[in-house]
Amino acid sequence: MTIVENATDRMVSEMAETLIGSEIIKQANDVNEKIKKGEKIYNFTIGDFDPKIFPIPTALLDEILDAYRNGHTNYPMANGMPDLRKAVSNFIRKFQLLDYSPEEILISGGSRPLIYAVYKTLIDPGDKVVFPVPSWNNNHYCHLSQAEAIMVETTAENNFMPTAAQLKPYIKDARMLALCSPLNPTGTVFSKEALEEIAGMVLEENKRRTGIDKPLYIMYDQVYSILCFGETQHHDPVSLFPELRPYTICIDGISKAFAATGVRLGWAFGPDYIVSKMKSILSHVGAWSPKAEQVATARFLENEKAVEHFLKNFLDGIEYRLTSFYQGFLSLRAEGFLVDVISPQAAIYLTVQFDLIGSKTKSGKIIATTQDITDFLCDEAKLAVVPFSSFGSKESNTWYRLSVGVAKSEEIPDVIEHLRKALTSLE
């Protein structure tokens, strides 16, 4: 028998061989291993909710249990149960003032399969996808679809939201512009004026392309749109420019709005022809949301009193945690420590900076890289947060995402005090 040298190099596709796993999940797993060994670490890495702190709505839970008891355990329809698509249509009409028919809505097992379907529906190998960084997972979806990723670095001065001026040099021959607001990882949003400039730019670009087979599409991830605080308002391209409706696919779902990350129910809405092709792709993948969850979510979304009651308490709890952490970081900054923070606007994330490059730890180690900062925070401050480099930003970026969905409000002062002591130890 002939033995082929380096046979493992030929056992999988080049795409699979070069695909990188989730940097965030890897970091969270490493932290959880330390916690299992007895270390006390405040782990704010994963964009998830602790069900003991933020359980799903009781009304939704009851509907899920009833749906299973009533035998809704067979296959759902490929594009989602009709009652659910109707309920989603009503929901986005009320909360986002967008008018999409049930036929323009696609249901899936969370928003991730829908994002994948957008890429596979619109992108041919080699097509260019433009997206700002930091942003969640677009680099990996580009890899999966063999697209050319055009990553546009954003700045703290603009709350890490992209501007039309930053994006304009890259859209001339791009196939898709991938945007997210409220943004994961920053919890910041587009102002109306900023999104108008970008949306208008896309509209003008598509007018220039009249007669060309490939227009420029917008994939608009707005899964955090319900979670806006204070004076913050959510905006979307289609509301600002109805002419963009044929070129915009929106991504949303219940995972963040209702603390239901594990229930796995998301939806996309956009041009019916594109949505129908996305349905065909996902029907072969089998990425349906379970039928019982679909039946239950339809009934829950139509229960406006239950929805509004849950959202009020839920939003208050998240905003309190974001504000408490924000005030804590402001106090550290006022004391002269090399930290910074952006005022929370939306989602479950706080954007914080640890400008510690060049500092010396009490053991004499010089902090030379962002990884050194991350290790110092975990080892000395017992704080686990995710660097923006895990979201496509430069390795030298010293800004981080802090996720509050698992934060116990009574522990926030302790987190800040641990951090204060660790920073005090630096030279």
Protein backbone atom coordinates (compact mmCIF):
# COMPACT_ATOMS: atom_id res chain seq x y z
CA MET A 1 0.00 0.00 0.00
CA THR A 2 1.30 3.43 -0.94
CA ILE A 3 1.46 5.97 1.86
CA VAL A 4 0.83 9.55 0.73
CA GLU A 5 2.96 12.08 2.55
CA ASN A 6 1.06 14.95 4.17
CA ALA A 7 -2.20 13.18 3.38
CA THR A 8 -4.04 15.34 5.90
CA ASP A 9 -3.40 18.34 3.66
CA ARG A 10 -5.65 16.75 1.05
CA MET A 11 -8.39 15.36 3.26
CA VAL A 12 -10.54 18.49 3.42
CA SER A 13 -11.28 21.46 1.21
CA GLU A 14 -9.03 24.48 1.24
CA MET A 15 -11.90 26.48 2.69
CA ALA A 16 -12.30 24.08 5.60
CA GLU A 17 -8.56 23.76 6.13
CA THR A 18 -8.12 27.52 6.40
CA LEU A 19 -11.33 28.35 8.28
CA ILE A 20 -10.68 29.88 11.68
CA GLY A 21 -12.95 28.99 14.60
CA SER A 22 -14.68 31.65 16.66
CA GLU A 23 -12.05 33.65 18.52
CA ILE A 24 -14.66 34.69 21.08
CA ILE A 25 -15.78 31.14 21.85
CA LYS A 26 -12.15 30.04 22.19
CA GLN A 27 -11.42 32.80 24.67
CA ALA A 28 -14.62 32.06 26.61
CA ASN A 29 -13.71 28.35 26.76
CA ASP A 30 -10.23 29.16 28.05
CA VAL A 31 -11.72 31.37 30.74
CA ASN A 32 -14.30 28.74 31.71
CA GLU A 33 -11.52 26.19 32.13
CA LYS A 34 -9.86 28.50 34.66
CA ILE A 35 -13.19 28.96 36.44
CA LYS A 36 -13.65 25.17 36.63
CA LYS A 37 -10.27 24.96 38.35
CA GLY A 38 -11.50 27.28 41.06
CA GLU A 39 -10.46 30.72 39.87
CA LYS A 40 -12.88 33.59 40.47
CA ILE A 41 -13.14 35.35 37.11
CA TYR A 42 -15.81 37.77 35.98
CA ASN A 43 -16.46 36.39 32.51
CA PHE A 44 -18.07 39.01 30.25
CA THR A 45 -16.91 37.55 26.94
CA ILE A 46 -19.94 35.86 25.34
CA GLY A 47 -22.86 37.89 24.01
CA ASP A 48 -25.36 35.77 25.88
CA PHE A 49 -27.73 35.98 28.84
CA ASP A 50 -27.65 34.15 32.14
CA PRO A 51 -31.17 32.65 32.33
CA LYS A 52 -31.11 33.06 36.12
CA ILE A 53 -30.71 36.81 35.63
CA PHE A 54 -32.54 37.32 32.34
CA PRO A 55 -34.99 34.44 31.75
CA ILE A 56 -37.06 34.35 28.59
CA PRO A 57 -40.57 35.81 28.90
CA THR A 58 -42.84 33.63 31.00
CA ALA A 59 -45.56 33.93 28.37
CA LEU A 60 -43.15 32.65 25.70
CA LEU A 61 -42.03 29.76 27.89
CA ASP A 62 -45.64 28.75 28.53
CA GLU A 63 -46.41 28.85 24.82
CA ILE A 64 -43.36 26.69 24.01
CA LEU A 65 -44.38 24.07 26.57
CA ASP A 66 -47.96 24.07 25.29
CA ALA A 67 -46.76 23.72 21.69
CA TYR A 68 -44.77 20.60 22.56
CA ARG A 69 -47.63 19.16 24.58
CA ASN A 70 -49.93 19.75 21.61
CA GLY A 71 -47.71 17.69 19.33
CA HIS A 72 -45.99 20.33 17.22
CA THR A 73 -42.92 18.15 16.76
CA ASN A 74 -42.97 17.47 13.03
CA TYR A 75 -41.34 19.46 10.23
CA PRO A 76 -42.27 23.13 9.92
CA MET A 77 -42.76 24.79 6.56
CA ALA A 78 -39.47 25.57 4.82
CA ASN A 79 -39.91 29.33 5.02
CA GLY A 80 -41.53 29.31 8.47
CA MET A 81 -45.01 28.70 9.80
CA PRO A 82 -47.57 31.07 8.24
CA ASP A 83 -48.86 32.32 11.60
CA LEU A 84 -45.33 33.20 12.66
CA ARG A 85 -44.50 35.05 9.45
CA LYS A 86 -47.73 37.01 9.88
CA ALA A 87 -46.85 37.76 13.51
CA VAL A 88 -43.35 38.90 12.53
CA SER A 89 -44.86 41.11 9.84
CA ASN A 90 -47.05 42.75 12.47
CA PHE A 91 -44.17 42.99 14.96
CA ILE A 92 -41.78 44.82 12.64
CA ARG A 93 -44.62 47.07 11.49
CA LYS A 94 -45.23 48.15 15.09
CA PHE A 95 -41.68 48.34 16.43
CA GLN A 96 -39.74 49.30 13.30
CA LEU A 97 -42.45 50.91 11.16
CA LEU A 98 -41.54 48.62 8.25
CA ASP A 99 -44.22 47.09 6.05
CA TYR A 100 -43.23 43.62 4.81
CA SER A 101 -45.70 40.91 3.90
CA PRO A 102 -45.41 37.37 5.31
CA GLU A 103 -44.21 36.25 1.85
CA GLU A 104 -41.18 38.55 2.20
CA ILE A 105 -40.16 37.01 5.54
CA LEU A 106 -38.02 33.93 6.10
CA ILE A 107 -37.76 32.08 9.43
CA SER A 108 -34.68 30.13 10.51
CA GLY A 109 -32.95 28.61 13.52
CA GLY A 110 -31.54 31.92 14.72
CA SER A 111 -30.06 34.73 12.69
CA ARG A 112 -26.76 33.00 11.81
CA PRO A 113 -28.19 30.67 9.13
CA LEU A 114 -29.95 33.67 7.61
CA ILE A 115 -26.71 35.64 7.36
CA TYR A 116 -25.08 32.60 5.79
CA ALA A 117 -27.98 32.35 3.34
CA VAL A 118 -27.63 36.01 2.37
CA TYR A 119 -23.97 35.45 1.55
CA LYS A 120 -24.62 32.26 -0.40
CA THR A 121 -27.55 33.81 -2.28
CA LEU A 122 -25.83 37.03 -3.35
CA ILE A 123 -22.10 36.25 -3.41
CA ASP A 124 -20.13 34.40 -6.07
CA PRO A 125 -16.54 33.38 -5.31
CA GLY A 126 -14.33 36.43 -5.67
CA ASP A 127 -17.12 38.98 -5.17
CA LYS A 128 -16.22 41.83 -2.86
CA VAL A 129 -18.03 42.33 0.44
CA VAL A 130 -17.39 45.61 2.23
CA PHE A 131 -17.88 45.82 5.98
CA PRO A 132 -16.58 47.92 8.84
CA VAL A 133 -14.44 46.51 11.63
CA PRO A 134 -14.85 45.81 14.40
CA SER A 135 -17.91 43.78 13.45
CA TRP A 136 -19.19 40.32 14.22
CA ASN A 137 -18.22 37.38 12.00
CA ASN A 138 -18.37 39.01 8.55
CA ASN A 139 -14.76 37.97 7.98
CA HIS A 140 -15.74 34.34 8.58
CA TYR A 141 -18.84 34.51 6.39
CA CYS A 142 -16.67 35.93 3.63
CA HIS A 143 -14.37 32.94 4.03
CA LEU A 144 -17.28 30.49 3.93
CA SER A 145 -18.61 32.05 0.72
CA GLN A 146 -15.15 32.62 -0.79
CA ALA A 147 -15.78 36.33 -1.04
CA GLU A 148 -13.09 38.97 -1.00
CA ALA A 149 -13.40 40.69 2.35
CA ILE A 150 -12.90 44.46 2.26
CA MET A 151 -12.51 45.44 5.92
CA VAL A 152 -12.80 49.15 6.72
CA GLU A 153 -11.27 50.13 10.05
CA THR A 154 -13.42 52.51 12.10
CA THR A 155 -12.41 54.82 14.95
CA ALA A 156 -13.40 55.63 18.51
CA GLU A 157 -14.01 59.23 17.49
CA ASN A 158 -17.10 58.05 15.60
CA ASN A 159 -18.09 55.39 18.17
CA PHE A 160 -16.67 52.75 15.80
CA MET A 161 -19.55 53.27 13.37
CA PRO A 162 -18.52 53.62 9.70
CA THR A 163 -19.06 56.80 7.74
CA ALA A 164 -19.98 57.20 4.09
CA ALA A 165 -16.59 58.81 3.48
CA GLN A 166 -14.79 55.76 4.89
CA LEU A 167 -16.84 53.30 2.83
CA LYS A 168 -17.07 55.20 -0.46
CA PRO A 169 -13.62 54.26 -1.86
CA TYR A 170 -14.53 50.56 -1.74
CA ILE A 171 -18.08 50.28 -3.07
CA LYS A 172 -17.57 50.86 -6.79
CA ASP A 173 -17.14 47.19 -7.63
CA ALA A 174 -18.48 45.65 -4.44
CA ARG A 175 -21.37 43.18 -4.41
CA MET A 176 -22.54 43.71 -0.84
CA LEU A 177 -22.21 46.15 2.03
CA ALA A 178 -22.65 44.37 5.39
CA LEU A 179 -23.83 46.71 8.14
CA CYS A 180 -24.99 46.21 11.71
CA SER A 181 -26.80 48.64 14.00
CA PRO A 182 -26.89 48.52 16.96
CA LEU A 183 -23.39 47.21 16.44
CA ASN A 184 -21.91 44.07 17.87
CA PRO A 185 -19.35 44.52 19.51
CA THR A 186 -19.71 48.18 20.46
CA GLY A 187 -23.34 48.72 21.42
CA THR A 188 -23.33 51.91 19.38
CA VAL A 189 -25.72 52.91 16.59
CA PHE A 190 -25.96 54.84 13.35
CA SER A 191 -27.28 58.34 13.71
CA LYS A 192 -30.03 59.14 11.24
CA GLU A 193 -27.72 61.52 9.37
CA ALA A 194 -24.84 59.04 9.12
CA LEU A 195 -27.05 56.22 7.83
CA GLU A 196 -28.74 58.60 5.38
CA GLU A 197 -25.35 59.41 3.89
CA ILE A 198 -24.44 55.74 3.51
CA ALA A 199 -27.86 54.73 2.19
CA GLY A 200 -27.87 57.61 -0.27
CA MET A 201 -24.42 56.61 -1.45
CA VAL A 202 -25.62 53.04 -2.13
CA LEU A 203 -28.64 54.37 -3.97
CA GLU A 204 -26.46 56.54 -6.20
CA GLU A 205 -24.11 53.63 -6.84
CA ASN A 206 -26.99 51.45 -7.99
CA LYS A 207 -28.24 54.19 -10.28
CA ARG A 208 -24.76 54.23 -11.81
CA ARG A 209 -25.02 50.46 -12.30
CA THR A 210 -28.31 50.59 -14.22
CA GLY A 211 -28.21 47.80 -16.77
CA ILE A 212 -25.43 45.92 -14.96
CA ASP A 213 -26.31 42.43 -13.72
CA LYS A 214 -24.97 42.88 -10.21
CA PRO A 215 -26.31 45.70 -8.05
CA LEU A 216 -24.86 46.64 -4.68
CA TYR A 217 -26.85 45.05 -1.86
CA ILE A 218 -27.04 45.96 1.82
CA MET A 219 -27.24 43.25 4.44
CA TYR A 220 -28.53 45.04 7.52
CA ASP A 221 -28.17 43.14 10.80
CA GLN A 222 -30.52 44.77 13.30
CA VAL A 223 -30.94 41.95 15.78
CA TYR A 224 -30.34 44.38 18.67
CA SER A 225 -32.73 47.05 17.39
CA ILE A 226 -35.21 46.70 20.26
CA LEU A 227 -32.45 47.23 22.82
CA CYS A 228 -31.96 51.00 22.55
CA PHE A 229 -31.60 53.18 25.64
CA GLY A 230 -32.14 56.80 26.59
CA GLU A 231 -32.42 59.08 23.59
CA THR A 232 -30.97 56.47 21.23
CA GLN A 233 -33.11 55.65 18.20
CA HIS A 234 -32.77 52.82 15.72
CA HIS A 235 -32.76 53.61 12.00
CA ASP A 236 -32.75 51.39 8.92
CA PRO A 237 -31.95 52.02 5.23
CA VAL A 238 -35.39 51.22 3.83
CA SER A 239 -37.21 53.65 6.11
CA LEU A 240 -34.81 56.38 5.09
CA PHE A 241 -34.82 55.53 1.38
CA PRO A 242 -37.75 53.33 0.26
CA GLU A 243 -36.01 53.08 -3.13
CA LEU A 244 -33.45 50.81 -1.41
CA ARG A 245 -36.07 48.16 -0.65
CA PRO A 246 -35.08 45.96 -3.67
CA TYR A 247 -31.45 46.01 -2.50
CA THR A 248 -31.76 45.53 1.28
CA ILE A 249 -32.03 42.33 3.32
CA CYS A 250 -32.60 42.77 7.05
CA ILE A 251 -31.67 40.25 9.74
CA ASP A 252 -33.48 40.06 13.07
CA GLY A 253 -34.95 37.63 15.60
CA ILE A 254 -35.90 36.97 19.21
CA SER A 255 -32.48 35.95 20.53
CA LYS A 256 -31.46 39.37 21.86
CA ALA A 257 -34.78 41.20 22.13
CA PHE A 258 -36.23 38.51 24.40
CA ALA A 259 -33.09 36.95 25.98
CA ALA A 260 -33.86 33.84 23.92
CA THR A 261 -30.44 32.99 22.48
CA GLY A 262 -30.96 29.26 22.91
CA VAL A 263 -34.51 29.16 21.57
CA ARG A 264 -33.05 29.61 18.06
CA LEU A 265 -35.55 31.64 16.12
CA GLY A 266 -34.56 34.38 13.71
CA TRP A 267 -36.03 36.05 10.67
CA ALA A 268 -34.91 37.85 7.56
CA PHE A 269 -36.98 40.13 5.38
CA GLY A 270 -36.31 41.63 2.00
CA PRO A 271 -37.18 41.29 -1.71
CA ASP A 272 -39.34 38.22 -2.17
CA TYR A 273 -37.20 36.82 -5.00
CA ILE A 274 -34.04 36.92 -2.86
CA VAL A 275 -35.86 35.61 0.21
CA SER A 276 -37.20 32.69 -1.85
CA LYS A 277 -33.65 31.76 -2.93
CA MET A 278 -32.47 31.98 0.68
CA LYS A 279 -35.32 29.63 1.60
CA SER A 280 -34.15 27.11 -1.01
CA ILE A 281 -30.61 27.15 0.38
CA LEU A 282 -31.69 26.75 3.99
CA SER A 283 -34.22 24.02 3.12
CA HIS A 284 -31.30 21.91 1.91
CA VAL A 285 -29.27 22.78 4.99
CA GLY A 286 -32.23 22.00 7.25
CA ALA A 287 -31.70 25.16 9.29
CA TRP A 288 -35.31 25.44 10.44
CA SER A 289 -36.33 26.72 13.80
CA PRO A 290 -38.22 23.92 15.61
CA LYS A 291 -41.92 23.95 14.84
CA ALA A 292 -42.96 24.18 18.48
CA GLU A 293 -40.83 27.30 18.99
CA GLN A 294 -42.34 28.81 15.85
CA VAL A 295 -45.91 28.16 16.95
CA ALA A 296 -45.10 29.53 20.41
CA THR A 297 -43.33 32.65 19.16
CA ALA A 298 -46.20 33.48 16.83
CA ARG A 299 -48.63 33.43 19.74
CA PHE A 300 -46.25 35.36 21.99
CA LEU A 301 -45.56 38.14 19.49
CA GLU A 302 -49.29 38.64 19.02
CA ASN A 303 -49.68 39.04 22.79
CA GLU A 304 -48.78 42.74 22.82
CA LYS A 305 -49.37 43.15 26.55
CA ALA A 306 -46.93 40.33 27.40
CA VAL A 307 -44.34 41.65 24.93
CA GLU A 308 -44.46 45.19 26.31
CA HIS A 309 -44.40 44.03 29.94
CA PHE A 310 -41.32 41.89 29.35
CA LEU A 311 -39.45 44.52 27.36
CA LYS A 312 -39.87 47.22 30.00
CA ASN A 313 -38.31 45.16 32.80
CA PHE A 314 -35.74 43.61 30.50
CA LEU A 315 -34.54 46.92 29.09
CA ASP A 316 -34.37 48.47 32.54
CA GLY A 317 -32.14 45.64 33.77
CA ILE A 318 -29.73 45.85 30.86
CA GLU A 319 -29.53 49.63 30.95
CA TYR A 320 -28.81 49.59 34.67
CA ARG A 321 -25.86 47.25 34.18
CA LEU A 322 -24.46 49.18 31.23
CA THR A 323 -24.76 52.47 33.10
CA SER A 324 -23.21 51.05 36.28
CA PHE A 325 -20.19 49.74 34.42
CA TYR A 326 -19.94 53.00 32.47
CA GLN A 327 -19.89 55.05 35.66
CA GLY A 328 -17.29 52.72 37.11
CA PHE A 329 -14.98 53.16 34.15
CA LEU A 330 -15.50 56.91 34.21
CA SER A 331 -14.37 56.93 37.84
CA LEU A 332 -11.24 54.96 36.96
CA ARG A 333 -10.46 57.34 34.13
CA ALA A 334 -10.96 60.31 36.45
CA GLU A 335 -8.45 58.76 38.85
CA GLY A 336 -5.85 58.80 36.10
CA PHE A 337 -5.85 55.17 35.06
CA LEU A 338 -5.22 54.42 31.38
CA VAL A 339 -8.78 53.39 30.57
CA ASP A 340 -11.52 54.91 28.46
CA VAL A 341 -15.17 54.12 27.78
CA ILE A 342 -17.88 55.07 25.29
CA SER A 343 -21.30 56.00 26.60
CA PRO A 344 -23.71 53.06 26.17
CA GLN A 345 -26.37 53.46 23.53
CA ALA A 346 -27.85 50.05 22.77
CA ALA A 347 -27.48 46.25 22.77
CA ILE A 348 -25.81 44.49 25.73
CA TYR A 349 -22.28 45.75 25.18
CA LEU A 350 -20.03 48.40 26.65
CA THR A 351 -17.01 49.60 24.69
CA VAL A 352 -13.97 50.05 26.94
CA GLN A 353 -10.29 50.75 26.34
CA PHE A 354 -7.26 49.55 28.26
CA ASP A 355 -4.38 51.64 26.91
CA LEU A 356 -1.75 49.62 28.75
CA ILE A 357 0.90 48.99 26.09
CA GLY A 358 4.30 49.77 27.64
CA SER A 359 3.16 49.32 31.24
CA LYS A 360 5.06 47.00 33.56
CA THR A 361 3.35 44.42 35.79
CA LYS A 362 4.38 43.79 39.38
CA SER A 363 6.32 40.73 38.18
CA GLY A 364 8.39 42.95 35.88
CA LYS A 365 6.73 41.88 32.63
CA ILE A 366 6.30 44.60 30.02
CA ILE A 367 2.85 44.65 28.46
CA ALA A 368 3.75 44.73 24.77
CA THR A 369 0.68 43.41 22.93
CA THR A 370 -3.11 43.35 23.13
CA GLN A 371 -2.86 39.69 24.13
CA ASP A 372 -0.68 40.78 27.05
CA ILE A 373 -3.42 43.22 28.08
CA THR A 374 -6.06 40.49 27.80
CA ASP A 375 -3.95 38.11 29.92
CA PHE A 376 -3.24 40.80 32.51
CA LEU A 377 -6.93 41.64 32.87
CA CYS A 378 -7.85 38.00 33.32
CA ASP A 379 -4.97 37.03 35.62
CA GLU A 380 -4.71 40.15 37.77
CA ALA A 381 -8.09 41.91 37.56
CA LYS A 382 -10.05 38.66 37.17
CA LEU A 383 -11.87 40.32 34.29
CA ALA A 384 -12.48 38.55 30.96
CA VAL A 385 -13.46 40.80 28.05
CA VAL A 386 -13.02 40.45 24.28
CA PRO A 387 -10.49 42.54 22.33
CA PHE A 388 -11.68 44.20 19.15
CA SER A 389 -9.00 42.23 17.29
CA SER A 390 -11.38 39.26 17.68
CA PHE A 391 -13.84 41.26 15.55
CA GLY A 392 -11.48 41.93 12.65
CA SER A 393 -9.73 45.03 13.98
CA LYS A 394 -5.97 45.45 13.99
CA GLU A 395 -4.03 43.41 16.54
CA SER A 396 -2.78 46.67 18.04
CA ASN A 397 -6.31 47.87 18.86
CA THR A 398 -6.65 48.27 22.65
CA TRP A 399 -10.45 48.58 22.76
CA TYR A 400 -12.61 45.78 24.18
CA ARG A 401 -16.20 44.51 24.34
CA LEU A 402 -17.76 43.96 27.76
CA SER A 403 -21.02 41.99 27.61
CA VAL A 404 -23.50 42.56 30.46
CA GLY A 405 -26.01 39.77 29.78
CA VAL A 406 -24.44 37.61 32.47
CA ALA A 407 -23.54 40.42 34.88
CA LYS A 408 -24.95 40.32 38.40
CA SER A 409 -25.72 43.92 39.33
CA GLU A 410 -24.52 43.46 42.90
CA GLU A 411 -21.09 42.33 41.66
CA ILE A 412 -20.36 45.37 39.48
CA PRO A 413 -18.70 47.39 42.30
CA ASP A 414 -16.47 44.38 43.02
CA VAL A 415 -15.48 44.13 39.35
CA ILE A 416 -14.47 47.78 39.29
CA GLU A 417 -12.55 47.43 42.56
CA HIS A 418 -10.64 44.37 41.31
CA LEU A 419 -9.77 46.33 38.19
CA ARG A 420 -8.69 49.36 40.23
CA LYS A 421 -6.32 47.25 42.32
CA ALA A 422 -4.85 45.56 39.25
CA LEU A 423 -4.28 48.87 37.47
CA THR A 424 -2.71 50.34 40.60
CA SER A 425 -0.13 47.55 40.54
CA LEU A 426 1.17 48.62 37.11
CA GLU A 427 4.22 50.81 36.65
